[in-house]
Amino acid sequence: MFEERLRAQLPLAADRILHRVRETRGGTLYDPRFGVRGRGQGPYAASIEALFQTSARRLGLSTGCADAQTVTCASFNSRAPASPTG
């Protein structure tokens, strides 16, 4: 489904995007294993992580304080806590 929608919306860039996704996923588009599917591997994934960390620091999202929560790419892959009202 992802590939179909990508090709429909971005036909000229689809091959390049799919290549990058495969590059960060060990040659496949999807890995269903828990804890693996939300992470990438390799040099391209490392550069995305470095860019994310730099941007988070620049925006003040990562303070480095012992009592502050550090923002990571992985923190966006988890579910939001359930609301106390339901």
N, C-alpha and C. Protein backbone atom coordinates (compact mmCIF):
# COMPACT_ATOMS: atom_id res chain seq x y z
N MET A 1 0.82 -1.18 0.00
CA MET A 1 0.00 0.00 0.00
C MET A 1 0.88 1.26 0.00
N PHE A 2 1.93 1.27 0.80
CA PHE A 2 2.83 2.42 0.85
C PHE A 2 3.41 2.71 -0.52
N GLU A 3 3.90 1.66 -1.15
CA GLU A 3 4.53 1.84 -2.46
C GLU A 3 3.53 2.35 -3.50
N GLU A 4 2.32 1.83 -3.49
CA GLU A 4 1.29 2.29 -4.43
C GLU A 4 0.99 3.78 -4.25
N ARG A 5 0.79 4.18 -3.01
CA ARG A 5 0.47 5.58 -2.74
C ARG A 5 1.64 6.49 -3.06
N LEU A 6 2.85 6.02 -2.76
CA LEU A 6 4.04 6.81 -3.07
C LEU A 6 4.17 7.02 -4.57
N ARG A 7 3.99 5.96 -5.32
CA ARG A 7 4.09 6.08 -6.78
C ARG A 7 2.98 6.95 -7.36
N ALA A 8 1.81 6.94 -6.76
CA ALA A 8 0.71 7.78 -7.23
C ALA A 8 0.96 9.26 -6.93
N GLN A 9 1.50 9.55 -5.74
CA GLN A 9 1.69 10.93 -5.32
C GLN A 9 3.00 11.54 -5.80
N LEU A 10 4.05 10.75 -5.85
CA LEU A 10 5.39 11.24 -6.24
C LEU A 10 6.01 10.32 -7.27
N PRO A 11 5.46 10.25 -8.46
CA PRO A 11 5.94 9.26 -9.43
C PRO A 11 7.40 9.45 -9.84
N LEU A 12 7.89 10.67 -9.88
CA LEU A 12 9.28 10.89 -10.30
C LEU A 12 10.28 10.59 -9.20
N ALA A 13 9.87 10.71 -7.95
CA ALA A 13 10.78 10.50 -6.83
C ALA A 13 10.61 9.14 -6.16
N ALA A 14 9.61 8.37 -6.56
CA ALA A 14 9.28 7.12 -5.87
C ALA A 14 10.45 6.14 -5.82
N ASP A 15 11.13 5.92 -6.93
CA ASP A 15 12.24 4.97 -6.93
C ASP A 15 13.36 5.40 -6.00
N ARG A 16 13.67 6.68 -5.99
CA ARG A 16 14.72 7.20 -5.12
C ARG A 16 14.34 7.03 -3.64
N ILE A 17 13.09 7.33 -3.31
CA ILE A 17 12.62 7.20 -1.92
C ILE A 17 12.62 5.73 -1.49
N LEU A 18 12.13 4.85 -2.34
CA LEU A 18 12.11 3.43 -2.01
C LEU A 18 13.52 2.88 -1.83
N HIS A 19 14.45 3.35 -2.65
CA HIS A 19 15.84 2.93 -2.51
C HIS A 19 16.39 3.34 -1.14
N ARG A 20 16.09 4.57 -0.71
CA ARG A 20 16.57 5.04 0.60
C ARG A 20 15.96 4.24 1.73
N VAL A 21 14.67 3.94 1.63
CA VAL A 21 14.02 3.14 2.66
C VAL A 21 14.67 1.76 2.74
N ARG A 22 14.88 1.14 1.59
CA ARG A 22 15.55 -0.17 1.58
C ARG A 22 16.97 -0.09 2.13
N GLU A 23 17.64 1.00 1.85
CA GLU A 23 19.01 1.19 2.34
C GLU A 23 19.06 1.22 3.86
N THR A 24 18.05 1.79 4.49
CA THR A 24 18.03 1.86 5.95
C THR A 24 17.37 0.65 6.59
N ARG A 25 16.83 -0.25 5.80
CA ARG A 25 16.13 -1.43 6.31
C ARG A 25 16.80 -2.74 5.89
N GLY A 26 18.04 -2.71 5.54
CA GLY A 26 18.73 -3.94 5.17
C GLY A 26 18.24 -4.56 3.88
N GLY A 27 17.75 -3.73 2.95
CA GLY A 27 17.34 -4.21 1.65
C GLY A 27 15.85 -4.49 1.49
N THR A 28 15.08 -4.37 2.55
CA THR A 28 13.64 -4.60 2.46
C THR A 28 12.88 -3.32 2.79
N LEU A 29 11.62 -3.28 2.41
CA LEU A 29 10.80 -2.11 2.72
C LEU A 29 10.22 -2.17 4.13
N TYR A 30 10.07 -3.37 4.67
CA TYR A 30 9.38 -3.50 5.96
C TYR A 30 9.95 -4.68 6.74
N ASP A 31 10.15 -4.48 8.02
CA ASP A 31 10.57 -5.55 8.91
C ASP A 31 9.57 -5.60 10.05
N PRO A 32 8.74 -6.64 10.14
CA PRO A 32 7.67 -6.67 11.13
C PRO A 32 8.10 -6.93 12.57
N ARG A 33 9.38 -7.21 12.79
CA ARG A 33 9.82 -7.52 14.15
C ARG A 33 9.66 -6.30 15.06
N PHE A 34 9.12 -6.54 16.26
CA PHE A 34 8.93 -5.48 17.23
C PHE A 34 10.27 -4.89 17.63
N GLY A 35 10.35 -3.59 17.70
CA GLY A 35 11.57 -2.91 18.08
C GLY A 35 12.51 -2.65 16.92
N VAL A 36 12.26 -3.28 15.79
CA VAL A 36 13.11 -3.11 14.60
C VAL A 36 12.42 -2.22 13.59
N ARG A 37 11.10 -2.36 13.48
CA ARG A 37 10.39 -1.66 12.42
C ARG A 37 10.42 -0.15 12.55
N GLY A 38 10.66 0.39 13.73
CA GLY A 38 10.70 1.83 13.91
C GLY A 38 12.10 2.41 13.86
N ARG A 39 13.07 1.61 13.48
CA ARG A 39 14.46 2.06 13.48
C ARG A 39 15.12 1.74 12.14
N GLY A 40 16.10 2.54 11.81
CA GLY A 40 16.87 2.29 10.60
C GLY A 40 18.29 1.88 10.97
N GLN A 41 19.03 1.43 9.98
CA GLN A 41 20.42 1.02 10.18
C GLN A 41 21.26 1.58 9.06
N GLY A 42 22.54 1.69 9.29
CA GLY A 42 23.46 2.10 8.24
C GLY A 42 23.77 3.59 8.27
N PRO A 43 24.62 4.02 7.34
CA PRO A 43 25.10 5.40 7.35
C PRO A 43 24.01 6.44 7.07
N TYR A 44 23.05 6.12 6.23
CA TYR A 44 21.98 7.09 5.95
C TYR A 44 21.10 7.28 7.18
N ALA A 45 20.77 6.19 7.87
CA ALA A 45 19.98 6.28 9.10
C ALA A 45 20.75 7.04 10.17
N ALA A 46 22.06 6.84 10.24
CA ALA A 46 22.88 7.57 11.22
C ALA A 46 22.89 9.07 10.92
N SER A 47 22.90 9.44 9.65
CA SER A 47 22.89 10.87 9.32
C SER A 47 21.52 11.48 9.64
N ILE A 48 20.44 10.72 9.48
CA ILE A 48 19.11 11.21 9.87
C ILE A 48 19.07 11.42 11.38
N GLU A 49 19.61 10.49 12.14
CA GLU A 49 19.66 10.60 13.60
C GLU A 49 20.47 11.82 14.02
N ALA A 50 21.62 12.04 13.39
CA ALA A 50 22.46 13.20 13.72
C ALA A 50 21.73 14.51 13.41
N LEU A 51 21.04 14.57 12.27
CA LEU A 51 20.28 15.76 11.92
C LEU A 51 19.16 16.00 12.92
N PHE A 52 18.49 14.92 13.33
CA PHE A 52 17.42 15.04 14.32
C PHE A 52 17.97 15.59 15.64
N GLN A 53 19.08 15.02 16.11
CA GLN A 53 19.66 15.47 17.38
C GLN A 53 20.09 16.93 17.31
N THR A 54 20.69 17.33 16.20
CA THR A 54 21.12 18.72 16.03
C THR A 54 19.91 19.66 16.05
N SER A 55 18.87 19.29 15.35
CA SER A 55 17.66 20.12 15.31
C SER A 55 16.99 20.18 16.67
N ALA A 56 16.93 19.05 17.38
CA ALA A 56 16.32 19.03 18.71
C ALA A 56 17.10 19.94 19.66
N ARG A 57 18.43 19.88 19.61
CA ARG A 57 19.25 20.76 20.45
C ARG A 57 19.01 22.22 20.11
N ARG A 58 18.98 22.52 18.81
CA ARG A 58 18.80 23.90 18.36
C ARG A 58 17.45 24.46 18.81
N LEU A 59 16.44 23.60 18.86
CA LEU A 59 15.11 24.03 19.27
C LEU A 59 14.88 23.93 20.77
N GLY A 60 15.90 23.50 21.50
CA GLY A 60 15.79 23.42 22.95
C GLY A 60 15.00 22.21 23.44
N LEU A 61 14.88 21.19 22.63
CA LEU A 61 14.14 20.00 23.03
C LEU A 61 14.98 19.04 23.86
N SER A 62 16.28 19.19 23.83
CA SER A 62 17.17 18.33 24.59
C SER A 62 18.07 19.24 25.42
N THR A 63 17.83 19.29 26.73
CA THR A 63 18.58 20.22 27.57
C THR A 63 19.84 19.62 28.15
N GLY A 64 19.90 18.31 28.24
CA GLY A 64 21.07 17.67 28.82
C GLY A 64 21.03 17.62 30.33
N CYS A 65 19.98 18.15 30.96
CA CYS A 65 19.85 18.10 32.42
C CYS A 65 19.54 16.67 32.85
N ALA A 66 20.00 16.33 34.04
CA ALA A 66 19.79 14.98 34.54
C ALA A 66 18.32 14.67 34.75
N ASP A 67 17.52 15.67 35.10
CA ASP A 67 16.10 15.41 35.36
C ASP A 67 15.22 15.64 34.14
N ALA A 68 15.81 16.06 33.03
CA ALA A 68 15.02 16.30 31.81
C ALA A 68 15.02 15.06 30.93
N GLN A 69 13.94 14.87 30.21
CA GLN A 69 13.86 13.75 29.27
C GLN A 69 14.51 14.16 27.96
N THR A 70 15.45 13.37 27.50
CA THR A 70 16.11 13.64 26.23
C THR A 70 15.25 13.13 25.09
N VAL A 71 15.09 13.95 24.08
CA VAL A 71 14.28 13.57 22.93
C VAL A 71 15.13 12.77 21.97
N THR A 72 14.61 11.63 21.50
CA THR A 72 15.30 10.82 20.50
C THR A 72 14.32 10.48 19.39
N CYS A 73 14.84 10.03 18.27
CA CYS A 73 13.96 9.59 17.18
C CYS A 73 13.05 8.46 17.68
N ALA A 74 13.57 7.59 18.52
CA ALA A 74 12.79 6.45 19.00
C ALA A 74 11.61 6.88 19.85
N SER A 75 11.69 8.05 20.50
CA SER A 75 10.58 8.48 21.34
C SER A 75 9.36 8.83 20.51
N PHE A 76 9.51 9.05 19.21
CA PHE A 76 8.37 9.33 18.36
C PHE A 76 7.73 8.05 17.84
N ASN A 77 8.35 6.91 18.10
CA ASN A 77 7.83 5.64 17.62
C ASN A 77 6.93 4.95 18.64
N SER A 78 6.87 5.50 19.85
CA SER A 78 6.05 4.86 20.87
C SER A 78 4.66 5.50 20.89
N ARG A 79 3.73 4.80 21.47
CA ARG A 79 2.36 5.32 21.56
C ARG A 79 2.29 6.37 22.66
N ALA A 80 1.36 7.29 22.49
CA ALA A 80 1.11 8.28 23.52
C ALA A 80 0.43 7.61 24.70
N PRO A 81 0.70 8.08 25.93
CA PRO A 81 0.05 7.48 27.09
C PRO A 81 -1.47 7.69 27.00
N ALA A 82 -2.21 6.75 27.56
CA ALA A 82 -3.66 6.87 27.56
C ALA A 82 -4.08 8.04 28.42
N SER A 83 -5.10 8.73 27.99
CA SER A 83 -5.56 9.89 28.76
C SER A 83 -6.27 9.40 30.01
N PRO A 84 -6.17 10.15 31.11
CA PRO A 84 -6.79 9.71 32.35
C PRO A 84 -8.32 9.70 32.28
N THR A 85 -8.91 10.40 31.30
CA THR A 85 -10.36 10.46 31.20
C THR A 85 -10.93 9.38 30.30
N GLY A 86 -10.09 8.61 29.68
CA GLY A 86 -10.69 7.57 28.87
C GLY A 86 -9.85 7.13 27.79
